[in-house]
Amino acid sequence: MTEKNNTENVEHVDNAIISRHSIRRFSAKEVSKETVERLLELGSLAPSSTNVQPWKVYALTGKAKEALSVAITNKFNSGEKECREYESYPKVWEEPWLSRRRKVGKDLYGVLGIPKEDKEGMKRQTARNFSFFDAPVGLIFTTERQFGAGMFLDIGMFMENVMLAARSRGLDTCPQAFFADFPDTIRACMGIGENEIIVCGMALGYADPSAPENALRTERESVENFAVFQGF
């Protein structure tokens, strides 16, 4: 490989990482089954502990996706709660994480013109998660219940591969942990067994360029604020 080609490859990977961000409104442009298969194939090249590959993916489109979206939206709107099957957030939020969490919510509702006192508006926006933000393809990621918490690292790397492979092809994504809040509804709708934990959802498609929420880019801490270098 020539130095020029290597530089181009580095730039291509860097651009996929830099340009990837969570999209919250998608266009109606379809994504082929072949494309989804290729993205999942590339996702499966992620490392996993002793090559266990502890992931499973359900890819939905059309009526199958719509049926799941309707079922979860109805449950969400009813106010009836289900229990997420793994701990995701701390019981008490502390700084600096509390401020980061609040800021992303404030920024999102700000670009959408939803004031803090508009609780119904916030609820409607949250419910849009369950339509996969109108993306043509929805993905549900699961893992076997017998696996330990460490396997979630493997699933995260798998999902990141999928997102970066999508971005390199001009596609967009949004990982959606909200789906993990409705495991019972997802199982009933999709016929998933009790042996699987519902880990996460993901919207996949092409961003709607006219949607203001898609211009939102969350801030990142500088390396000096989270990294410790020793022996350099």
C-alpha atoms as a PDB file:
ATOM      1  CA  MET A   1       0.000   0.000   0.000  1.00  0.00           C
ATOM      2  CA  THR A   2       1.382   3.387  -0.990  1.00  0.00           C
ATOM      3  CA  GLU A   3       1.718   6.239   1.493  1.00  0.00           C
ATOM      4  CA  LYS A   4      -0.963   8.174  -0.440  1.00  0.00           C
ATOM      5  CA  ASN A   5      -3.461   5.322  -0.239  1.00  0.00           C
ATOM      6  CA  ASN A   6      -2.732   4.841   3.450  1.00  0.00           C
ATOM      7  CA  THR A   7      -3.332   8.539   4.088  1.00  0.00           C
ATOM      8  CA  GLU A   8      -6.616   8.382   2.182  1.00  0.00           C
ATOM      9  CA  ASN A   9      -7.729   5.375   4.223  1.00  0.00           C
ATOM     10  CA  VAL A  10      -6.888   7.135   7.478  1.00  0.00           C
ATOM     11  CA  GLU A  11      -8.821  10.221   6.395  1.00  0.00           C
ATOM     12  CA  HIS A  12     -11.800   8.103   5.353  1.00  0.00           C
ATOM     13  CA  VAL A  13     -11.945   6.385   8.745  1.00  0.00           C
ATOM     14  CA  ASP A  14     -11.404   9.666  10.592  1.00  0.00           C
ATOM     15  CA  ASN A  15     -14.183  11.339   8.602  1.00  0.00           C
ATOM     16  CA  ALA A  16     -16.614   8.524   9.393  1.00  0.00           C
ATOM     17  CA  ILE A  17     -15.864   8.924  13.106  1.00  0.00           C
ATOM     18  CA  ILE A  18     -16.017  12.720  13.053  1.00  0.00           C
ATOM     19  CA  SER A  19     -19.194  12.970  10.975  1.00  0.00           C
ATOM     20  CA  ARG A  20     -21.124  10.338  12.927  1.00  0.00           C
ATOM     21  CA  HIS A  21     -23.660  11.787  15.315  1.00  0.00           C
ATOM     22  CA  SER A  22     -27.097  10.807  16.529  1.00  0.00           C
ATOM     23  CA  ILE A  23     -29.796  11.583  13.967  1.00  0.00           C
ATOM     24  CA  ARG A  24     -33.308  12.161  15.284  1.00  0.00           C
ATOM     25  CA  ARG A  25     -35.262  12.618  12.063  1.00  0.00           C
ATOM     26  CA  PHE A  26     -34.781  10.496   8.958  1.00  0.00           C
ATOM     27  CA  SER A  27     -35.894  10.832   5.354  1.00  0.00           C
ATOM     28  CA  ALA A  28     -38.115   8.253   3.660  1.00  0.00           C
ATOM     29  CA  LYS A  29     -35.260   7.011   1.443  1.00  0.00           C
ATOM     30  CA  GLU A  30     -35.109   3.237   1.705  1.00  0.00           C
ATOM     31  CA  VAL A  31     -32.167   1.065   2.712  1.00  0.00           C
ATOM     32  CA  SER A  32     -31.806  -2.291   0.963  1.00  0.00           C
ATOM     33  CA  LYS A  33     -31.620  -5.608   2.771  1.00  0.00           C
ATOM     34  CA  GLU A  34     -28.235  -6.189   1.127  1.00  0.00           C
ATOM     35  CA  THR A  35     -26.883  -2.984   2.647  1.00  0.00           C
ATOM     36  CA  VAL A  36     -28.141  -3.902   6.114  1.00  0.00           C
ATOM     37  CA  GLU A  37     -26.608  -7.366   5.782  1.00  0.00           C
ATOM     38  CA  ARG A  38     -23.258  -5.854   4.816  1.00  0.00           C
ATOM     39  CA  LEU A  39     -23.307  -3.443   7.755  1.00  0.00           C
ATOM     40  CA  LEU A  40     -24.043  -6.274  10.178  1.00  0.00           C
ATOM     41  CA  GLU A  41     -21.326  -8.394   8.574  1.00  0.00           C
ATOM     42  CA  LEU A  42     -18.833  -5.587   9.179  1.00  0.00           C
ATOM     43  CA  GLY A  43     -20.221  -5.145  12.684  1.00  0.00           C
ATOM     44  CA  SER A  44     -19.482  -8.790  13.406  1.00  0.00           C
ATOM     45  CA  LEU A  45     -15.763  -8.177  12.837  1.00  0.00           C
ATOM     46  CA  ALA A  46     -15.670  -6.376  16.198  1.00  0.00           C
ATOM     47  CA  PRO A  47     -13.535  -8.033  18.876  1.00  0.00           C
ATOM     48  CA  SER A  48     -15.206 -10.028  21.623  1.00  0.00           C
ATOM     49  CA  SER A  49     -13.943 -11.839  24.674  1.00  0.00           C
ATOM     50  CA  THR A  50     -12.546 -15.232  23.576  1.00  0.00           C
ATOM     51  CA  ASN A  51     -14.418 -14.675  20.285  1.00  0.00           C
ATOM     52  CA  VAL A  52     -17.760 -15.466  21.930  1.00  0.00           C
ATOM     53  CA  GLN A  53     -19.578 -12.928  19.685  1.00  0.00           C
ATOM     54  CA  PRO A  54     -22.383 -12.414  22.219  1.00  0.00           C
ATOM     55  CA  TRP A  55     -24.698 -10.382  19.987  1.00  0.00           C
ATOM     56  CA  LYS A  56     -27.924 -10.972  18.149  1.00  0.00           C
ATOM     57  CA  VAL A  57     -29.703  -8.448  15.941  1.00  0.00           C
ATOM     58  CA  TYR A  58     -33.298  -8.146  14.755  1.00  0.00           C
ATOM     59  CA  ALA A  59     -33.596  -5.942  11.656  1.00  0.00           C
ATOM     60  CA  LEU A  60     -37.045  -4.469  10.999  1.00  0.00           C
ATOM     61  CA  THR A  61     -38.635  -2.510   8.217  1.00  0.00           C
ATOM     62  CA  GLY A  62     -42.102  -1.921   6.768  1.00  0.00           C
ATOM     63  CA  LYS A  63     -45.049  -3.437   8.635  1.00  0.00           C
ATOM     64  CA  ALA A  64     -42.835  -5.317  11.102  1.00  0.00           C
ATOM     65  CA  LYS A  65     -41.183  -2.093  12.228  1.00  0.00           C
ATOM     66  CA  GLU A  66     -44.502  -0.264  12.324  1.00  0.00           C
ATOM     67  CA  ALA A  67     -46.106  -2.962  14.497  1.00  0.00           C
ATOM     68  CA  LEU A  68     -43.307  -2.740  17.053  1.00  0.00           C
ATOM     69  CA  SER A  69     -43.406   1.057  17.046  1.00  0.00           C
ATOM     70  CA  VAL A  70     -47.159   1.137  17.634  1.00  0.00           C
ATOM     71  CA  ALA A  71     -46.975  -1.422  20.443  1.00  0.00           C
ATOM     72  CA  ILE A  72     -44.243   0.409  22.357  1.00  0.00           C
ATOM     73  CA  THR A  73     -45.732   3.852  21.747  1.00  0.00           C
ATOM     74  CA  ASN A  74     -49.087   2.695  23.108  1.00  0.00           C
ATOM     75  CA  LYS A  75     -47.403   1.262  26.223  1.00  0.00           C
ATOM     76  CA  PHE A  76     -45.350   4.447  26.693  1.00  0.00           C
ATOM     77  CA  ASN A  77     -48.404   6.702  26.323  1.00  0.00           C
ATOM     78  CA  SER A  78     -50.371   4.590  28.798  1.00  0.00           C
ATOM     79  CA  GLY A  79     -47.848   5.381  31.508  1.00  0.00           C
ATOM     80  CA  GLU A  80     -47.434   1.702  32.322  1.00  0.00           C
ATOM     81  CA  LYS A  81     -43.828   0.913  33.225  1.00  0.00           C
ATOM     82  CA  GLU A  82     -41.656  -2.068  32.390  1.00  0.00           C
ATOM     83  CA  CYS A  83     -38.289  -2.895  33.942  1.00  0.00           C
ATOM     84  CA  ARG A  84     -35.029  -2.529  32.077  1.00  0.00           C
ATOM     85  CA  GLU A  85     -33.047  -5.745  32.480  1.00  0.00           C
ATOM     86  CA  TYR A  86     -29.709  -4.155  33.288  1.00  0.00           C
ATOM     87  CA  GLU A  87     -28.433  -1.167  35.238  1.00  0.00           C
ATOM     88  CA  SER A  88     -27.630   1.708  32.914  1.00  0.00           C
ATOM     89  CA  TYR A  89     -27.576   4.860  35.010  1.00  0.00           C
ATOM     90  CA  PRO A  90     -26.407   5.695  38.539  1.00  0.00           C
ATOM     91  CA  LYS A  91     -29.016   5.908  41.267  1.00  0.00           C
ATOM     92  CA  VAL A  92     -27.807   9.442  42.063  1.00  0.00           C
ATOM     93  CA  TRP A  93     -26.370  11.712  39.388  1.00  0.00           C
ATOM     94  CA  GLU A  94     -23.248  13.657  40.331  1.00  0.00           C
ATOM     95  CA  GLU A  95     -21.029  16.167  38.541  1.00  0.00           C
ATOM     96  CA  PRO A  96     -19.732  16.431  35.907  1.00  0.00           C
ATOM     97  CA  TRP A  97     -22.118  13.850  34.455  1.00  0.00           C
ATOM     98  CA  LEU A  98     -25.260  15.537  35.719  1.00  0.00           C
ATOM     99  CA  SER A  99     -24.444  18.761  33.883  1.00  0.00           C
ATOM    100  CA  ARG A 100     -23.627  16.912  30.647  1.00  0.00           C
ATOM    101  CA  ARG A 101     -26.915  15.040  30.807  1.00  0.00           C
ATOM    102  CA  ARG A 102     -28.915  18.197  31.448  1.00  0.00           C
ATOM    103  CA  LYS A 103     -27.159  20.122  28.713  1.00  0.00           C
ATOM    104  CA  VAL A 104     -27.891  17.645  25.944  1.00  0.00           C
ATOM    105  CA  GLY A 105     -31.579  17.629  26.914  1.00  0.00           C
ATOM    106  CA  LYS A 106     -31.702  21.423  27.068  1.00  0.00           C
ATOM    107  CA  ASP A 107     -29.933  21.758  23.723  1.00  0.00           C
ATOM    108  CA  LEU A 108     -32.206  19.237  21.998  1.00  0.00           C
ATOM    109  CA  TYR A 109     -35.421  20.767  23.256  1.00  0.00           C
ATOM    110  CA  GLY A 110     -33.996  24.192  22.458  1.00  0.00           C
ATOM    111  CA  VAL A 111     -33.444  23.479  18.746  1.00  0.00           C
ATOM    112  CA  LEU A 112     -36.933  21.928  18.628  1.00  0.00           C
ATOM    113  CA  GLY A 113     -38.527  24.956  20.276  1.00  0.00           C
ATOM    114  CA  ILE A 114     -39.870  22.959  23.217  1.00  0.00           C
ATOM    115  CA  PRO A 115     -39.734  25.071  26.411  1.00  0.00           C
ATOM    116  CA  LYS A 116     -38.865  23.478  29.762  1.00  0.00           C
ATOM    117  CA  GLU A 117     -42.439  23.810  31.032  1.00  0.00           C
ATOM    118  CA  ASP A 118     -43.903  21.975  28.012  1.00  0.00           C
ATOM    119  CA  LYS A 119     -43.969  18.488  29.531  1.00  0.00           C
ATOM    120  CA  GLU A 120     -46.334  17.137  26.868  1.00  0.00           C
ATOM    121  CA  GLY A 121     -44.020  18.363  24.127  1.00  0.00           C
ATOM    122  CA  MET A 122     -41.107  16.606  25.768  1.00  0.00           C
ATOM    123  CA  LYS A 123     -43.150  13.428  26.068  1.00  0.00           C
ATOM    124  CA  ARG A 124     -44.067  13.551  22.379  1.00  0.00           C
ATOM    125  CA  GLN A 125     -40.426  13.982  21.440  1.00  0.00           C
ATOM    126  CA  THR A 126     -39.415  11.040  23.636  1.00  0.00           C
ATOM    127  CA  ALA A 127     -42.119   8.919  22.010  1.00  0.00           C
ATOM    128  CA  ARG A 128     -40.524   9.562  18.614  1.00  0.00           C
ATOM    129  CA  ASN A 129     -37.773   7.190  19.708  1.00  0.00           C
ATOM    130  CA  PHE A 130     -40.189   4.321  19.275  1.00  0.00           C
ATOM    131  CA  SER A 131     -40.835   5.114  15.610  1.00  0.00           C
ATOM    132  CA  PHE A 132     -37.048   4.942  15.174  1.00  0.00           C
ATOM    133  CA  PHE A 133     -37.289   8.662  14.357  1.00  0.00           C
ATOM    134  CA  ASP A 134     -38.982   7.673  11.064  1.00  0.00           C
ATOM    135  CA  ALA A 135     -35.919   5.754   9.853  1.00  0.00           C
ATOM    136  CA  PRO A 136     -36.724   3.059   7.274  1.00  0.00           C
ATOM    137  CA  VAL A 137     -34.820   0.408   9.254  1.00  0.00           C
ATOM    138  CA  GLY A 138     -34.895  -0.323  12.971  1.00  0.00           C
ATOM    139  CA  LEU A 139     -32.424  -2.624  14.708  1.00  0.00           C
ATOM    140  CA  ILE A 140     -32.917  -4.333  18.064  1.00  0.00           C
ATOM    141  CA  PHE A 141     -29.779  -5.709  19.743  1.00  0.00           C
ATOM    142  CA  THR A 142     -29.967  -8.521  22.281  1.00  0.00           C
ATOM    143  CA  THR A 143     -27.637 -10.840  24.153  1.00  0.00           C
ATOM    144  CA  GLU A 144     -28.042 -14.074  26.054  1.00  0.00           C
ATOM    145  CA  ARG A 145     -29.146 -13.646  29.657  1.00  0.00           C
ATOM    146  CA  GLN A 146     -26.443 -16.058  30.830  1.00  0.00           C
ATOM    147  CA  PHE A 147     -23.641 -13.658  29.863  1.00  0.00           C
ATOM    148  CA  GLY A 148     -22.017 -11.321  32.359  1.00  0.00           C
ATOM    149  CA  ALA A 149     -21.885  -7.529  32.246  1.00  0.00           C
ATOM    150  CA  GLY A 150     -18.500  -7.610  30.506  1.00  0.00           C
ATOM    151  CA  MET A 151     -20.158  -8.872  27.338  1.00  0.00           C
ATOM    152  CA  PHE A 152     -21.848  -5.488  26.982  1.00  0.00           C
ATOM    153  CA  LEU A 153     -18.413  -4.128  26.012  1.00  0.00           C
ATOM    154  CA  ASP A 154     -18.402  -6.515  23.066  1.00  0.00           C
ATOM    155  CA  ILE A 155     -21.910  -5.504  21.990  1.00  0.00           C
ATOM    156  CA  GLY A 156     -20.927  -1.832  22.191  1.00  0.00           C
ATOM    157  CA  MET A 157     -17.971  -2.418  19.873  1.00  0.00           C
ATOM    158  CA  PHE A 158     -20.215  -4.362  17.507  1.00  0.00           C
ATOM    159  CA  MET A 159     -22.700  -1.479  17.399  1.00  0.00           C
ATOM    160  CA  GLU A 160     -19.935   1.079  16.839  1.00  0.00           C
ATOM    161  CA  ASN A 161     -18.676  -0.926  13.856  1.00  0.00           C
ATOM    162  CA  VAL A 162     -22.183  -0.866  12.405  1.00  0.00           C
ATOM    163  CA  MET A 163     -22.512   2.898  12.918  1.00  0.00           C
ATOM    164  CA  LEU A 164     -19.148   3.731  11.380  1.00  0.00           C
ATOM    165  CA  ALA A 165     -19.667   1.389   8.441  1.00  0.00           C
ATOM    166  CA  ALA A 166     -23.032   3.078   7.868  1.00  0.00           C
ATOM    167  CA  ARG A 167     -21.514   6.563   8.032  1.00  0.00           C
ATOM    168  CA  SER A 168     -18.786   5.660   5.545  1.00  0.00           C
ATOM    169  CA  ARG A 169     -21.583   4.849   3.087  1.00  0.00           C
ATOM    170  CA  GLY A 170     -23.466   8.089   3.659  1.00  0.00           C
ATOM    171  CA  LEU A 171     -25.981   6.469   6.005  1.00  0.00           C
ATOM    172  CA  ASP A 172     -26.885   7.729   9.464  1.00  0.00           C
ATOM    173  CA  THR A 173     -27.818   6.118  12.758  1.00  0.00           C
ATOM    174  CA  CYS A 174     -29.041   6.774  16.270  1.00  0.00           C
ATOM    175  CA  PRO A 175     -28.383   4.266  19.070  1.00  0.00           C
ATOM    176  CA  GLN A 176     -31.479   4.173  21.286  1.00  0.00           C
ATOM    177  CA  ALA A 177     -31.278   2.794  24.809  1.00  0.00           C
ATOM    178  CA  PHE A 178     -34.943   3.749  25.360  1.00  0.00           C
ATOM    179  CA  PHE A 179     -35.973   0.453  23.750  1.00  0.00           C
ATOM    180  CA  ALA A 180     -34.454  -1.421  26.689  1.00  0.00           C
ATOM    181  CA  ASP A 181     -37.178   0.118  28.878  1.00  0.00           C
ATOM    182  CA  PHE A 182     -39.849  -2.035  27.177  1.00  0.00           C
ATOM    183  CA  PRO A 183     -38.503  -5.613  27.092  1.00  0.00           C
ATOM    184  CA  ASP A 184     -41.878  -7.266  27.695  1.00  0.00           C
ATOM    185  CA  THR A 185     -43.571  -5.445  24.823  1.00  0.00           C
ATOM    186  CA  ILE A 186     -40.671  -6.125  22.468  1.00  0.00           C
ATOM    187  CA  ARG A 187     -40.686  -9.825  23.323  1.00  0.00           C
ATOM    188  CA  ALA A 188     -44.429 -10.136  22.865  1.00  0.00           C
ATOM    189  CA  CYS A 189     -44.374  -8.287  19.550  1.00  0.00           C
ATOM    190  CA  MET A 190     -41.319  -9.996  18.073  1.00  0.00           C
ATOM    191  CA  GLY A 191     -41.394 -13.466  19.612  1.00  0.00           C
ATOM    192  CA  ILE A 192     -38.060 -13.066  21.413  1.00  0.00           C
ATOM    193  CA  GLY A 193     -37.426 -15.627  24.137  1.00  0.00           C
ATOM    194  CA  GLU A 194     -36.844 -14.956  27.812  1.00  0.00           C
ATOM    195  CA  ASN A 195     -33.265 -16.174  27.393  1.00  0.00           C
ATOM    196  CA  GLU A 196     -32.376 -12.913  25.606  1.00  0.00           C
ATOM    197  CA  ILE A 197     -31.867  -9.497  27.201  1.00  0.00           C
ATOM    198  CA  ILE A 198     -33.064  -6.510  25.197  1.00  0.00           C
ATOM    199  CA  VAL A 199     -29.937  -4.327  25.105  1.00  0.00           C
ATOM    200  CA  CYS A 200     -30.599  -1.442  22.736  1.00  0.00           C
ATOM    201  CA  GLY A 201     -32.293  -0.227  19.598  1.00  0.00           C
ATOM    202  CA  MET A 202     -30.855   1.661  16.640  1.00  0.00           C
ATOM    203  CA  ALA A 203     -32.370   3.755  13.867  1.00  0.00           C
ATOM    204  CA  LEU A 204     -30.741   3.361  10.442  1.00  0.00           C
ATOM    205  CA  GLY A 205     -31.340   5.399   7.313  1.00  0.00           C
ATOM    206  CA  TYR A 206     -30.603   8.757   5.717  1.00  0.00           C
ATOM    207  CA  ALA A 207     -30.821  11.972   7.710  1.00  0.00           C
ATOM    208  CA  ASP A 208     -33.506  14.510   6.869  1.00  0.00           C
ATOM    209  CA  PRO A 209     -31.320  17.549   6.083  1.00  0.00           C
ATOM    210  CA  SER A 210     -34.138  20.000   6.846  1.00  0.00           C
ATOM    211  CA  ALA A 211     -34.689  18.800  10.452  1.00  0.00           C
ATOM    212  CA  PRO A 212     -33.261  21.261  13.011  1.00  0.00           C
ATOM    213  CA  GLU A 213     -32.579  18.504  15.546  1.00  0.00           C
ATOM    214  CA  ASN A 214     -30.106  16.917  13.129  1.00  0.00           C
ATOM    215  CA  ALA A 215     -27.854  19.969  13.378  1.00  0.00           C
ATOM    216  CA  LEU A 216     -27.310  19.295  17.085  1.00  0.00           C
ATOM    217  CA  ARG A 217     -23.777  18.143  17.880  1.00  0.00           C
ATOM    218  CA  THR A 218     -23.022  17.274  21.474  1.00  0.00           C
ATOM    219  CA  GLU A 219     -19.856  18.643  23.046  1.00  0.00           C
ATOM    220  CA  ARG A 220     -16.911  16.438  23.947  1.00  0.00           C
ATOM    221  CA  GLU A 221     -14.355  16.827  26.706  1.00  0.00           C
ATOM    222  CA  SER A 222     -10.745  17.420  25.671  1.00  0.00           C
ATOM    223  CA  VAL A 223      -8.349  14.496  26.005  1.00  0.00           C
ATOM    224  CA  GLU A 224      -6.503  16.226  28.838  1.00  0.00           C
ATOM    225  CA  ASN A 225      -9.682  16.104  30.933  1.00  0.00           C
ATOM    226  CA  PHE A 226     -10.160  12.332  30.816  1.00  0.00           C
ATOM    227  CA  ALA A 227      -6.804  10.746  29.947  1.00  0.00           C
ATOM    228  CA  VAL A 228      -3.772  10.101  32.126  1.00  0.00           C
ATOM    229  CA  PHE A 229      -0.459   9.578  30.325  1.00  0.00           C
ATOM    230  CA  GLN A 230       2.341   7.737  32.108  1.00  0.00           C
ATOM    231  CA  GLY A 231       5.793   6.863  30.835  1.00  0.00           C
ATOM    232  CA  PHE A 232       5.633   8.937  27.659  1.00  0.00           C
END
